[in-house]
Amino acid sequence: MLPLYDDQPTKRFPGLTILLIALNVWIFVSWQLRVGIDRSVMLAALVPAEITHGASLDYSIAHMLASMFMHGSWMHLIGNMWFMWIFGNNIEDATGHFRFIIFYLICGFAADAAFIAFSPNSNVPMIGASGAVSGVLGAYLVLHPQARVTTLIPLGIFTRLIELPAFLFLLLWIALQVLSQLASQVPERHQGGGVAYLAHIGGFLAGLILIFFFQKGGRSRSVNRY
């Protein structure tokens, strides 16, 4: 399933959503591609075993933060930023600009912490914005469950566009993460096709909870369109 757009208008210009997308793209293009993706991963990615085996607090925080803005391929980058564009503007609208960046980063840290907790001895580097973006999806489920998400369903020659309620789209999405984790038991983000599903789940749950503390002016409401 690929979300194309939703039906929720915003009051605020999504400046930080755009800035975060631009920053991820800039780091990938201007640094990772220039030095080489493999080398960039060696230099700045998060390695759980290093964190759990005596890394300093400064080192741990720096690598957790850096890993949130790195990607393993163009498709990895585009996929994360596409979801950020579809859903991030409404969360920024609900929290305000400053709170949104704090919310986003905390969700990213929570996602990494969840992965480290369940894979403390992993030596496979972790990269990607998906944990933080998953927090955005969790927040969207709380604030706009009845929103309509126009979704591309790839079924070969029978590919269709359908409107799904946001709660259904997002519950299907998180269910897929859980089932994929149970089925694969391969937590790596970027090697051998591995995906850190535990980080997705951790970020999503963090977003579900944290949005109650970060939203401004009471709970946002979905706008029904007919």
N, C-alpha and C. Protein backbone atom coordinates (compact mmCIF):
# COMPACT_ATOMS: atom_id res chain seq x y z
N MET A 1 0.84 -1.19 0.00
CA MET A 1 0.00 0.00 0.00
C MET A 1 0.88 1.24 0.00
N LEU A 2 0.55 2.17 -0.87
CA LEU A 2 1.30 3.42 -0.95
C LEU A 2 0.34 4.59 -0.77
N PRO A 3 0.47 5.35 0.33
CA PRO A 3 -0.41 6.51 0.49
C PRO A 3 -0.01 7.61 -0.49
N LEU A 4 -1.00 8.23 -1.11
CA LEU A 4 -0.73 9.30 -2.06
C LEU A 4 -1.03 10.68 -1.48
N TYR A 5 -2.14 10.80 -0.77
CA TYR A 5 -2.47 12.05 -0.09
C TYR A 5 -3.62 11.79 0.86
N ASP A 6 -3.79 12.73 1.82
CA ASP A 6 -4.93 12.65 2.73
C ASP A 6 -5.84 13.85 2.53
N ASP A 7 -6.90 13.91 3.31
CA ASP A 7 -7.88 14.98 3.10
C ASP A 7 -7.89 15.99 4.25
N GLN A 8 -6.79 16.05 5.01
CA GLN A 8 -6.75 16.92 6.18
C GLN A 8 -6.03 18.23 5.89
N PRO A 9 -6.74 19.35 5.90
CA PRO A 9 -6.10 20.65 5.70
C PRO A 9 -5.28 21.05 6.92
N THR A 10 -4.35 21.94 6.75
CA THR A 10 -3.54 22.44 7.86
C THR A 10 -3.65 23.96 7.94
N LYS A 11 -3.44 24.47 9.15
CA LYS A 11 -3.48 25.92 9.37
C LYS A 11 -2.08 26.53 9.29
N ARG A 12 -1.08 25.74 9.68
CA ARG A 12 0.30 26.22 9.69
C ARG A 12 1.06 25.73 8.46
N PHE A 13 1.94 26.55 7.94
CA PHE A 13 2.84 26.11 6.89
C PHE A 13 3.79 25.07 7.48
N PRO A 14 3.93 23.89 6.85
CA PRO A 14 4.72 22.81 7.44
C PRO A 14 6.23 23.02 7.24
N GLY A 15 6.74 24.11 7.78
CA GLY A 15 8.12 24.48 7.53
C GLY A 15 9.13 23.46 8.03
N LEU A 16 8.90 22.91 9.23
CA LEU A 16 9.86 21.96 9.77
C LEU A 16 9.73 20.59 9.11
N THR A 17 8.54 20.23 8.68
CA THR A 17 8.40 18.99 7.91
C THR A 17 9.24 19.08 6.64
N ILE A 18 9.12 20.19 5.95
CA ILE A 18 9.91 20.40 4.73
C ILE A 18 11.40 20.45 5.05
N LEU A 19 11.75 21.12 6.16
CA LEU A 19 13.16 21.23 6.54
C LEU A 19 13.76 19.86 6.85
N LEU A 20 13.02 19.03 7.57
CA LEU A 20 13.52 17.69 7.90
C LEU A 20 13.70 16.84 6.64
N ILE A 21 12.75 16.94 5.72
CA ILE A 21 12.88 16.22 4.46
C ILE A 21 14.11 16.71 3.70
N ALA A 22 14.26 18.03 3.63
CA ALA A 22 15.40 18.60 2.91
C ALA A 22 16.72 18.20 3.55
N LEU A 23 16.76 18.16 4.88
CA LEU A 23 17.98 17.80 5.59
C LEU A 23 18.36 16.35 5.31
N ASN A 24 17.38 15.46 5.32
CA ASN A 24 17.66 14.06 5.01
C ASN A 24 18.19 13.91 3.58
N VAL A 25 17.57 14.61 2.65
CA VAL A 25 18.02 14.54 1.25
C VAL A 25 19.41 15.13 1.11
N TRP A 26 19.65 16.25 1.75
CA TRP A 26 20.95 16.92 1.65
C TRP A 26 22.08 16.05 2.21
N ILE A 27 21.85 15.42 3.36
CA ILE A 27 22.87 14.55 3.95
C ILE A 27 23.16 13.36 3.04
N PHE A 28 22.12 12.79 2.47
CA PHE A 28 22.31 11.64 1.58
C PHE A 28 23.09 12.03 0.33
N VAL A 29 22.70 13.15 -0.29
CA VAL A 29 23.31 13.55 -1.56
C VAL A 29 24.69 14.16 -1.37
N SER A 30 24.81 15.06 -0.40
CA SER A 30 26.05 15.82 -0.28
C SER A 30 27.13 15.11 0.52
N TRP A 31 26.73 14.14 1.37
CA TRP A 31 27.74 13.46 2.17
C TRP A 31 27.80 11.97 1.88
N GLN A 32 26.67 11.26 2.05
CA GLN A 32 26.72 9.81 1.90
C GLN A 32 27.14 9.37 0.50
N LEU A 33 26.56 9.98 -0.52
CA LEU A 33 26.94 9.61 -1.88
C LEU A 33 28.37 10.05 -2.20
N ARG A 34 28.78 11.14 -1.60
CA ARG A 34 30.12 11.65 -1.89
C ARG A 34 31.20 10.76 -1.28
N VAL A 35 31.03 10.36 -0.02
CA VAL A 35 32.06 9.53 0.63
C VAL A 35 31.81 8.04 0.40
N GLY A 36 30.62 7.71 -0.09
CA GLY A 36 30.23 6.31 -0.27
C GLY A 36 29.32 5.88 0.86
N ILE A 37 28.23 5.21 0.52
CA ILE A 37 27.26 4.82 1.54
C ILE A 37 27.88 3.90 2.57
N ASP A 38 28.67 2.90 2.13
CA ASP A 38 29.28 1.98 3.08
C ASP A 38 30.20 2.70 4.05
N ARG A 39 31.00 3.63 3.55
CA ARG A 39 31.91 4.36 4.43
C ARG A 39 31.14 5.27 5.38
N SER A 40 30.09 5.91 4.89
CA SER A 40 29.31 6.79 5.77
C SER A 40 28.68 5.99 6.90
N VAL A 41 28.27 4.77 6.59
CA VAL A 41 27.69 3.91 7.62
C VAL A 41 28.74 3.54 8.66
N MET A 42 29.93 3.21 8.21
CA MET A 42 31.01 2.87 9.13
C MET A 42 31.35 4.04 10.05
N LEU A 43 31.25 5.26 9.52
CA LEU A 43 31.65 6.44 10.28
C LEU A 43 30.60 6.89 11.30
N ALA A 44 29.31 6.79 10.97
CA ALA A 44 28.32 7.49 11.78
C ALA A 44 27.09 6.68 12.17
N ALA A 45 26.93 5.47 11.66
CA ALA A 45 25.73 4.70 11.99
C ALA A 45 25.74 4.24 13.44
N LEU A 46 24.59 3.85 13.91
CA LEU A 46 24.44 3.34 15.27
C LEU A 46 24.63 1.82 15.26
N VAL A 47 25.52 1.35 16.13
CA VAL A 47 25.76 -0.09 16.29
C VAL A 47 25.34 -0.47 17.70
N PRO A 48 24.26 -1.25 17.86
CA PRO A 48 23.76 -1.55 19.21
C PRO A 48 24.82 -2.11 20.16
N ALA A 49 25.65 -3.01 19.69
CA ALA A 49 26.64 -3.62 20.57
C ALA A 49 27.61 -2.59 21.14
N GLU A 50 27.90 -1.56 20.38
CA GLU A 50 28.79 -0.52 20.88
C GLU A 50 28.14 0.26 22.02
N ILE A 51 26.84 0.48 21.88
CA ILE A 51 26.11 1.22 22.92
C ILE A 51 26.05 0.42 24.21
N THR A 52 25.83 -0.87 24.10
CA THR A 52 25.64 -1.71 25.29
C THR A 52 26.94 -2.25 25.87
N HIS A 53 28.05 -1.96 25.22
CA HIS A 53 29.33 -2.47 25.70
C HIS A 53 30.32 -1.33 25.98
N GLY A 54 29.81 -0.30 26.63
CA GLY A 54 30.71 0.69 27.18
C GLY A 54 30.89 1.98 26.42
N ALA A 55 30.13 2.23 25.36
CA ALA A 55 30.27 3.50 24.65
C ALA A 55 29.86 4.65 25.57
N SER A 56 30.52 5.77 25.44
CA SER A 56 30.19 6.93 26.26
C SER A 56 28.82 7.47 25.90
N LEU A 57 28.24 8.25 26.80
CA LEU A 57 26.92 8.83 26.55
C LEU A 57 26.97 9.76 25.35
N ASP A 58 28.02 10.59 25.26
CA ASP A 58 28.14 11.51 24.14
C ASP A 58 28.21 10.76 22.81
N TYR A 59 29.00 9.69 22.78
CA TYR A 59 29.14 8.89 21.56
C TYR A 59 27.80 8.26 21.19
N SER A 60 27.12 7.71 22.18
CA SER A 60 25.84 7.04 21.92
C SER A 60 24.81 8.01 21.36
N ILE A 61 24.67 9.18 21.99
CA ILE A 61 23.69 10.16 21.53
C ILE A 61 24.04 10.66 20.13
N ALA A 62 25.33 10.92 19.88
CA ALA A 62 25.75 11.42 18.58
C ALA A 62 25.42 10.42 17.47
N HIS A 63 25.67 9.15 17.71
CA HIS A 63 25.43 8.16 16.67
C HIS A 63 23.94 7.84 16.53
N MET A 64 23.19 7.90 17.61
CA MET A 64 21.75 7.73 17.50
C MET A 64 21.15 8.86 16.67
N LEU A 65 21.61 10.09 16.93
CA LEU A 65 21.10 11.23 16.19
C LEU A 65 21.51 11.17 14.72
N ALA A 66 22.79 10.89 14.47
CA ALA A 66 23.27 10.83 13.09
C ALA A 66 22.55 9.76 12.29
N SER A 67 22.29 8.62 12.91
CA SER A 67 21.67 7.50 12.19
C SER A 67 20.27 7.84 11.70
N MET A 68 19.59 8.77 12.40
CA MET A 68 18.23 9.16 12.00
C MET A 68 18.20 9.90 10.67
N PHE A 69 19.33 10.44 10.25
CA PHE A 69 19.37 11.26 9.05
C PHE A 69 20.18 10.60 7.93
N MET A 70 20.40 9.30 8.04
CA MET A 70 21.16 8.56 7.04
C MET A 70 20.28 7.48 6.41
N HIS A 71 20.57 7.13 5.17
CA HIS A 71 19.80 6.12 4.46
C HIS A 71 20.71 5.24 3.63
N GLY A 72 20.22 4.03 3.36
CA GLY A 72 21.03 3.06 2.67
C GLY A 72 20.89 3.04 1.17
N SER A 73 19.91 3.75 0.64
CA SER A 73 19.69 3.78 -0.81
C SER A 73 18.70 4.88 -1.13
N TRP A 74 18.57 5.17 -2.44
CA TRP A 74 17.57 6.14 -2.86
C TRP A 74 16.16 5.69 -2.48
N MET A 75 15.86 4.41 -2.65
CA MET A 75 14.51 3.92 -2.33
C MET A 75 14.23 4.02 -0.83
N HIS A 76 15.23 3.73 -0.02
CA HIS A 76 15.09 3.87 1.43
C HIS A 76 14.76 5.31 1.79
N LEU A 77 15.49 6.25 1.21
CA LEU A 77 15.27 7.67 1.46
C LEU A 77 13.91 8.12 0.97
N ILE A 78 13.58 7.80 -0.27
CA ILE A 78 12.31 8.26 -0.86
C ILE A 78 11.12 7.69 -0.10
N GLY A 79 11.18 6.42 0.28
CA GLY A 79 10.07 5.82 1.02
C GLY A 79 9.81 6.53 2.34
N ASN A 80 10.88 6.77 3.11
CA ASN A 80 10.72 7.44 4.40
C ASN A 80 10.22 8.87 4.23
N MET A 81 10.79 9.59 3.28
CA MET A 81 10.41 10.99 3.10
C MET A 81 9.01 11.13 2.51
N TRP A 82 8.58 10.17 1.73
CA TRP A 82 7.21 10.21 1.20
C TRP A 82 6.19 10.11 2.33
N PHE A 83 6.40 9.16 3.24
CA PHE A 83 5.50 9.04 4.39
C PHE A 83 5.56 10.29 5.26
N MET A 84 6.75 10.85 5.40
CA MET A 84 6.90 12.07 6.19
C MET A 84 6.10 13.21 5.56
N TRP A 85 6.13 13.33 4.26
CA TRP A 85 5.41 14.39 3.56
C TRP A 85 3.90 14.22 3.69
N ILE A 86 3.41 13.00 3.57
CA ILE A 86 1.96 12.77 3.63
C ILE A 86 1.41 13.04 5.02
N PHE A 87 2.11 12.60 6.06
CA PHE A 87 1.55 12.64 7.42
C PHE A 87 2.18 13.68 8.34
N GLY A 88 3.39 14.12 8.04
CA GLY A 88 4.09 15.01 8.95
C GLY A 88 3.48 16.38 9.09
N ASN A 89 2.91 16.92 7.99
CA ASN A 89 2.39 18.28 8.06
C ASN A 89 1.26 18.42 9.07
N ASN A 90 0.41 17.40 9.18
CA ASN A 90 -0.70 17.46 10.13
C ASN A 90 -0.22 17.37 11.58
N ILE A 91 0.84 16.62 11.81
CA ILE A 91 1.37 16.53 13.17
C ILE A 91 2.07 17.83 13.55
N GLU A 92 2.81 18.41 12.63
CA GLU A 92 3.41 19.72 12.89
C GLU A 92 2.32 20.76 13.15
N ASP A 93 1.23 20.68 12.42
CA ASP A 93 0.11 21.59 12.61
C ASP A 93 -0.48 21.46 14.01
N ALA A 94 -0.53 20.23 14.51
CA ALA A 94 -1.14 19.98 15.82
C ALA A 94 -0.22 20.34 16.98
N THR A 95 1.09 20.25 16.78
CA THR A 95 2.03 20.48 17.87
C THR A 95 2.63 21.88 17.86
N GLY A 96 2.69 22.50 16.69
CA GLY A 96 3.47 23.71 16.54
C GLY A 96 4.87 23.34 16.09
N HIS A 97 5.58 24.31 15.54
CA HIS A 97 6.86 24.00 14.90
C HIS A 97 7.90 23.49 15.88
N PHE A 98 8.14 24.20 16.98
CA PHE A 98 9.21 23.82 17.90
C PHE A 98 8.91 22.47 18.53
N ARG A 99 7.67 22.28 18.99
CA ARG A 99 7.33 21.01 19.62
C ARG A 99 7.45 19.85 18.63
N PHE A 100 7.18 20.13 17.38
CA PHE A 100 7.23 19.06 16.39
C PHE A 100 8.64 18.49 16.26
N ILE A 101 9.65 19.33 16.19
CA ILE A 101 11.01 18.83 16.03
C ILE A 101 11.43 18.03 17.26
N ILE A 102 11.03 18.48 18.45
CA ILE A 102 11.34 17.72 19.66
C ILE A 102 10.62 16.39 19.65
N PHE A 103 9.35 16.41 19.28
CA PHE A 103 8.56 15.18 19.18
C PHE A 103 9.22 14.20 18.21
N TYR A 104 9.60 14.69 17.05
CA TYR A 104 10.20 13.84 16.02
C TYR A 104 11.49 13.19 16.52
N LEU A 105 12.35 13.98 17.14
CA LEU A 105 13.62 13.44 17.61
C LEU A 105 13.44 12.44 18.75
N ILE A 106 12.52 12.73 19.67
CA ILE A 106 12.28 11.79 20.77
C ILE A 106 11.75 10.47 20.23
N CYS A 107 10.86 10.52 19.24
CA CYS A 107 10.36 9.28 18.63
C CYS A 107 11.50 8.50 18.00
N GLY A 108 12.42 9.21 17.35
CA GLY A 108 13.57 8.55 16.76
C GLY A 108 14.44 7.87 17.80
N PHE A 109 14.71 8.58 18.91
CA PHE A 109 15.50 8.00 19.99
C PHE A 109 14.78 6.79 20.60
N ALA A 110 13.46 6.90 20.76
CA ALA A 110 12.69 5.80 21.32
C ALA A 110 12.74 4.57 20.41
N ALA A 111 12.68 4.80 19.11
CA ALA A 111 12.76 3.71 18.15
C ALA A 111 14.10 2.99 18.26
N ASP A 112 15.18 3.77 18.31
CA ASP A 112 16.50 3.16 18.45
C ASP A 112 16.64 2.43 19.77
N ALA A 113 16.11 3.02 20.85
CA ALA A 113 16.20 2.39 22.16
C ALA A 113 15.46 1.06 22.18
N ALA A 114 14.30 1.01 21.52
CA ALA A 114 13.54 -0.24 21.45
C ALA A 114 14.34 -1.32 20.73
N PHE A 115 14.97 -0.93 19.62
CA PHE A 115 15.76 -1.90 18.87
C PHE A 115 16.96 -2.38 19.68
N ILE A 116 17.65 -1.45 20.31
CA ILE A 116 18.82 -1.81 21.12
C ILE A 116 18.42 -2.74 22.26
N ALA A 117 17.28 -2.47 22.88
CA ALA A 117 16.84 -3.28 24.02
C ALA A 117 16.61 -4.72 23.63
N PHE A 118 16.12 -4.96 22.41
CA PHE A 118 15.83 -6.33 21.99
C PHE A 118 16.98 -6.96 21.20
N SER A 119 17.96 -6.14 20.77
CA SER A 119 19.12 -6.67 20.04
C SER A 119 20.40 -6.05 20.57
N PRO A 120 20.66 -6.23 21.87
CA PRO A 120 21.78 -5.50 22.49
C PRO A 120 23.15 -5.92 21.98
N ASN A 121 23.26 -7.10 21.41
CA ASN A 121 24.57 -7.58 20.96
C ASN A 121 24.76 -7.52 19.45
N SER A 122 23.84 -6.86 18.76
CA SER A 122 23.93 -6.77 17.31
C SER A 122 25.09 -5.86 16.90
N ASN A 123 25.89 -6.34 15.96
CA ASN A 123 26.97 -5.55 15.40
C ASN A 123 26.62 -4.96 14.03
N VAL A 124 25.39 -5.09 13.64
CA VAL A 124 24.94 -4.57 12.34
C VAL A 124 24.55 -3.11 12.51
N PRO A 125 25.13 -2.21 11.72
CA PRO A 125 24.80 -0.79 11.84
C PRO A 125 23.33 -0.51 11.54
N MET A 126 22.78 0.48 12.22
CA MET A 126 21.39 0.89 12.05
C MET A 126 21.35 2.30 11.48
N ILE A 127 20.59 2.49 10.43
CA ILE A 127 20.41 3.82 9.85
C ILE A 127 18.97 3.98 9.39
N GLY A 128 18.55 5.23 9.24
CA GLY A 128 17.25 5.49 8.65
C GLY A 128 16.35 6.35 9.52
N ALA A 129 15.49 7.13 8.87
CA ALA A 129 14.54 7.99 9.56
C ALA A 129 13.24 7.27 9.90
N SER A 130 13.15 5.99 9.58
CA SER A 130 11.86 5.31 9.69
C SER A 130 11.34 5.23 11.11
N GLY A 131 12.23 5.14 12.11
CA GLY A 131 11.75 5.10 13.48
C GLY A 131 11.05 6.38 13.87
N ALA A 132 11.66 7.52 13.53
CA ALA A 132 11.05 8.82 13.83
C ALA A 132 9.77 9.02 13.02
N VAL A 133 9.79 8.64 11.75
CA VAL A 133 8.61 8.77 10.90
C VAL A 133 7.49 7.87 11.42
N SER A 134 7.84 6.71 11.95
CA SER A 134 6.83 5.84 12.53
C SER A 134 6.13 6.51 13.70
N GLY A 135 6.87 7.33 14.46
CA GLY A 135 6.25 8.10 15.53
C GLY A 135 5.22 9.08 15.00
N VAL A 136 5.51 9.67 13.85
CA VAL A 136 4.55 10.56 13.19
C VAL A 136 3.28 9.80 12.83
N LEU A 137 3.44 8.57 12.35
CA LEU A 137 2.27 7.76 11.99
C LEU A 137 1.44 7.42 13.23
N GLY A 138 2.11 7.10 14.33
CA GLY A 138 1.38 6.82 15.56
C GLY A 138 0.58 8.02 16.03
N ALA A 139 1.18 9.20 15.94
CA ALA A 139 0.48 10.42 16.33
C ALA A 139 -0.71 10.69 15.41
N TYR A 140 -0.54 10.43 14.12
CA TYR A 140 -1.63 10.65 13.16
C TYR A 140 -2.82 9.74 13.48
N LEU A 141 -2.54 8.52 13.89
CA LEU A 141 -3.62 7.60 14.26
C LEU A 141 -4.44 8.16 15.42
N VAL A 142 -3.78 8.78 16.38
CA VAL A 142 -4.49 9.36 17.53
C VAL A 142 -5.30 10.58 17.11
N LEU A 143 -4.72 11.46 16.31
CA LEU A 143 -5.34 12.74 16.02
C LEU A 143 -6.34 12.72 14.87
N HIS A 144 -6.12 11.85 13.89
CA HIS A 144 -6.95 11.88 12.69
C HIS A 144 -7.39 10.47 12.26
N PRO A 145 -7.99 9.71 13.16
CA PRO A 145 -8.35 8.33 12.80
C PRO A 145 -9.36 8.23 11.67
N GLN A 146 -10.22 9.25 11.52
CA GLN A 146 -11.26 9.20 10.50
C GLN A 146 -10.86 9.90 9.20
N ALA A 147 -9.64 10.40 9.12
CA ALA A 147 -9.18 11.02 7.87
C ALA A 147 -9.23 10.00 6.74
N ARG A 148 -9.34 10.48 5.52
CA ARG A 148 -9.35 9.60 4.36
C ARG A 148 -7.99 9.67 3.67
N VAL A 149 -7.40 8.52 3.47
CA VAL A 149 -6.08 8.44 2.84
C VAL A 149 -6.23 7.76 1.48
N THR A 150 -6.00 8.50 0.43
CA THR A 150 -6.04 7.92 -0.91
C THR A 150 -4.80 7.06 -1.10
N THR A 151 -5.03 5.80 -1.40
CA THR A 151 -3.97 4.79 -1.35
C THR A 151 -3.88 4.02 -2.65
N LEU A 152 -2.66 3.82 -3.10
CA LEU A 152 -2.40 2.99 -4.28
C LEU A 152 -2.21 1.55 -3.83
N ILE A 153 -3.04 0.67 -4.37
CA ILE A 153 -2.95 -0.76 -4.06
C ILE A 153 -2.39 -1.47 -5.28
N PRO A 154 -1.13 -1.91 -5.25
CA PRO A 154 -0.54 -2.56 -6.42
C PRO A 154 -0.98 -4.01 -6.53
N LEU A 155 -1.76 -4.30 -7.56
CA LEU A 155 -2.25 -5.66 -7.81
C LEU A 155 -1.97 -6.05 -9.26
N GLY A 156 -0.75 -5.77 -9.70
CA GLY A 156 -0.40 -6.08 -11.08
C GLY A 156 -1.20 -5.21 -12.04
N ILE A 157 -1.83 -5.84 -13.00
CA ILE A 157 -2.61 -5.07 -13.97
C ILE A 157 -3.90 -4.53 -13.37
N PHE A 158 -4.23 -4.98 -12.15
CA PHE A 158 -5.45 -4.53 -11.49
C PHE A 158 -5.16 -3.50 -10.41
N THR A 159 -4.03 -2.79 -10.51
CA THR A 159 -3.69 -1.76 -9.54
C THR A 159 -4.82 -0.74 -9.42
N ARG A 160 -5.15 -0.40 -8.17
CA ARG A 160 -6.30 0.48 -7.95
C ARG A 160 -5.96 1.59 -6.98
N LEU A 161 -6.72 2.69 -7.09
CA LEU A 161 -6.69 3.75 -6.10
C LEU A 161 -7.94 3.65 -5.25
N ILE A 162 -7.76 3.58 -3.95
CA ILE A 162 -8.92 3.53 -3.06
C ILE A 162 -8.71 4.49 -1.90
N GLU A 163 -9.80 4.94 -1.31
CA GLU A 163 -9.75 5.76 -0.10
C GLU A 163 -9.92 4.86 1.11
N LEU A 164 -8.97 4.93 2.03
CA LEU A 164 -9.06 4.17 3.27
C LEU A 164 -9.14 5.12 4.45
N PRO A 165 -9.93 4.79 5.46
CA PRO A 165 -9.86 5.59 6.68
C PRO A 165 -8.47 5.46 7.28
N ALA A 166 -7.95 6.54 7.85
CA ALA A 166 -6.58 6.53 8.35
C ALA A 166 -6.36 5.44 9.39
N PHE A 167 -7.35 5.21 10.25
CA PHE A 167 -7.14 4.20 11.28
C PHE A 167 -6.93 2.82 10.66
N LEU A 168 -7.63 2.52 9.57
CA LEU A 168 -7.46 1.23 8.93
C LEU A 168 -6.10 1.14 8.24
N PHE A 169 -5.73 2.20 7.51
CA PHE A 169 -4.42 2.21 6.84
C PHE A 169 -3.30 2.03 7.84
N LEU A 170 -3.35 2.77 8.94
CA LEU A 170 -2.25 2.76 9.90
C LEU A 170 -2.23 1.48 10.73
N LEU A 171 -3.40 0.93 11.05
CA LEU A 171 -3.42 -0.34 11.78
C LEU A 171 -2.91 -1.47 10.89
N LEU A 172 -3.24 -1.43 9.61
CA LEU A 172 -2.68 -2.41 8.68
C LEU A 172 -1.18 -2.26 8.57
N TRP A 173 -0.73 -1.02 8.55
CA TRP A 173 0.71 -0.76 8.45
C TRP A 173 1.45 -1.31 9.67
N ILE A 174 0.98 -1.02 10.87
CA ILE A 174 1.69 -1.48 12.07
C ILE A 174 1.56 -3.00 12.22
N ALA A 175 0.43 -3.54 11.80
CA ALA A 175 0.28 -5.00 11.83
C ALA A 175 1.31 -5.67 10.91
N LEU A 176 1.55 -5.05 9.76
CA LEU A 176 2.55 -5.58 8.85
C LEU A 176 3.94 -5.54 9.47
N GLN A 177 4.23 -4.49 10.23
CA GLN A 177 5.54 -4.41 10.89
C GLN A 177 5.70 -5.53 11.92
N VAL A 178 4.64 -5.74 12.69
CA VAL A 178 4.70 -6.79 13.72
C VAL A 178 4.84 -8.16 13.08
N LEU A 179 4.02 -8.44 12.06
CA LEU A 179 4.08 -9.74 11.41
C LEU A 179 5.42 -9.94 10.70
N SER A 180 5.95 -8.90 10.11
CA SER A 180 7.24 -9.01 9.43
C SER A 180 8.36 -9.30 10.42
N GLN A 181 8.29 -8.67 11.60
CA GLN A 181 9.30 -8.93 12.62
C GLN A 181 9.21 -10.38 13.10
N LEU A 182 8.00 -10.85 13.34
CA LEU A 182 7.82 -12.23 13.80
C LEU A 182 8.26 -13.23 12.75
N ALA A 183 8.00 -12.90 11.49
CA ALA A 183 8.31 -13.84 10.42
C ALA A 183 9.79 -13.86 10.06
N SER A 184 10.41 -12.70 10.05
CA SER A 184 11.78 -12.62 9.54
C SER A 184 12.83 -12.79 10.63
N GLN A 185 12.58 -12.16 11.78
CA GLN A 185 13.58 -12.13 12.84
C GLN A 185 14.91 -11.61 12.32
N VAL A 186 14.84 -10.71 11.34
CA VAL A 186 16.04 -10.07 10.78
C VAL A 186 15.93 -8.59 11.04
N PRO A 187 16.57 -8.05 12.10
CA PRO A 187 16.36 -6.66 12.48
C PRO A 187 17.21 -5.63 11.78
N GLU A 188 18.17 -6.04 10.94
CA GLU A 188 19.07 -5.06 10.38
C GLU A 188 18.34 -4.12 9.44
N ARG A 189 18.77 -2.87 9.40
CA ARG A 189 18.12 -1.86 8.58
C ARG A 189 18.61 -1.85 7.15
N HIS A 190 19.85 -2.16 6.93
CA HIS A 190 20.31 -1.83 5.59
C HIS A 190 21.13 -2.92 4.92
N GLN A 191 21.43 -4.02 5.57
CA GLN A 191 22.23 -5.05 4.95
C GLN A 191 21.35 -6.25 4.62
N GLY A 192 21.57 -6.84 3.46
CA GLY A 192 20.86 -8.04 3.08
C GLY A 192 19.37 -7.87 3.03
N GLY A 193 18.90 -6.66 2.81
CA GLY A 193 17.45 -6.45 2.75
C GLY A 193 16.80 -6.40 4.11
N GLY A 194 17.60 -6.42 5.19
CA GLY A 194 17.03 -6.42 6.52
C GLY A 194 16.39 -5.10 6.86
N VAL A 195 15.34 -5.16 7.67
CA VAL A 195 14.61 -3.97 8.10
C VAL A 195 14.45 -4.03 9.61
N ALA A 196 14.64 -2.89 10.27
CA ALA A 196 14.51 -2.83 11.72
C ALA A 196 13.04 -2.65 12.11
N TYR A 197 12.27 -3.72 11.98
CA TYR A 197 10.85 -3.63 12.29
C TYR A 197 10.62 -3.25 13.75
N LEU A 198 11.51 -3.70 14.64
CA LEU A 198 11.35 -3.34 16.05
C LEU A 198 11.47 -1.84 16.25
N ALA A 199 12.32 -1.20 15.48
CA ALA A 199 12.43 0.26 15.57
C ALA A 199 11.15 0.93 15.07
N HIS A 200 10.56 0.39 14.00
CA HIS A 200 9.29 0.92 13.51
C HIS A 200 8.22 0.83 14.60
N ILE A 201 8.16 -0.34 15.23
CA ILE A 201 7.15 -0.56 16.27
C ILE A 201 7.39 0.35 17.46
N GLY A 202 8.66 0.46 17.88
CA GLY A 202 8.98 1.32 19.01
C GLY A 202 8.66 2.78 18.73
N GLY A 203 9.00 3.25 17.53
CA GLY A 203 8.69 4.63 17.18
C GLY A 203 7.20 4.89 17.11
N PHE A 204 6.46 3.95 16.55
CA PHE A 204 5.01 4.08 16.42
C PHE A 204 4.36 4.19 17.80
N LEU A 205 4.75 3.30 18.73
CA LEU A 205 4.19 3.33 20.08
C LEU A 205 4.57 4.62 20.80
N ALA A 206 5.79 5.09 20.58
CA ALA A 206 6.20 6.36 21.20
C ALA A 206 5.33 7.50 20.69
N GLY A 207 5.06 7.53 19.39
CA GLY A 207 4.21 8.57 18.83
C GLY A 207 2.80 8.53 19.37
N LEU A 208 2.26 7.32 19.53
CA LEU A 208 0.92 7.16 20.10
C LEU A 208 0.80 7.82 21.46
N ILE A 209 1.84 7.67 22.26
CA ILE A 209 1.80 8.18 23.64
C ILE A 209 2.20 9.65 23.70
N LEU A 210 3.29 9.99 23.04
CA LEU A 210 3.85 11.33 23.19
C LEU A 210 2.96 12.43 22.62
N ILE A 211 2.15 12.11 21.63
CA ILE A 211 1.34 13.17 21.02
C ILE A 211 0.38 13.79 22.02
N PHE A 212 -0.02 13.05 23.05
CA PHE A 212 -0.91 13.61 24.07
C PHE A 212 -0.22 14.72 24.86
N PHE A 213 1.10 14.69 24.92
CA PHE A 213 1.86 15.69 25.66
C PHE A 213 2.33 16.84 24.76
N PHE A 214 2.36 16.60 23.45
CA PHE A 214 2.94 17.59 22.54
C PHE A 214 1.90 18.37 21.75
N GLN A 215 0.68 17.92 21.65
CA GLN A 215 -0.30 18.65 20.87
C GLN A 215 -0.67 19.95 21.57
N LYS A 216 -1.05 20.93 20.79
CA LYS A 216 -1.41 22.25 21.32
C LYS A 216 -2.90 22.48 21.17
N GLY A 217 -3.49 23.11 22.17
CA GLY A 217 -4.87 23.57 22.05
C GLY A 217 -5.90 22.47 21.99
N GLY A 218 -5.63 21.33 22.64
CA GLY A 218 -6.61 20.25 22.64
C GLY A 218 -6.46 19.36 21.44
N ARG A 219 -7.18 18.29 21.45
CA ARG A 219 -7.07 17.30 20.41
C ARG A 219 -7.60 17.80 19.08
N SER A 220 -6.82 17.59 18.03
CA SER A 220 -7.28 17.95 16.68
C SER A 220 -8.38 17.00 16.25
N ARG A 221 -9.20 17.45 15.34
CA ARG A 221 -10.28 16.60 14.86
C ARG A 221 -10.18 16.45 13.34
N SER A 222 -10.53 15.27 12.88
CA SER A 222 -10.54 15.04 11.45
C SER A 222 -11.66 15.83 10.80
N VAL A 223 -11.48 16.18 9.56
CA VAL A 223 -12.51 16.87 8.78
C VAL A 223 -13.11 15.87 7.81
N ASN A 224 -14.40 15.63 7.93
CA ASN A 224 -15.04 14.70 7.02
C ASN A 224 -15.31 15.36 5.68
N ARG A 225 -14.94 14.68 4.60
CA ARG A 225 -15.18 15.18 3.26
C ARG A 225 -16.11 14.21 2.53
N TYR A 226 -17.08 14.74 1.81
CA TYR A 226 -18.04 13.87 1.11
C TYR A 226 -17.99 14.16 -0.38
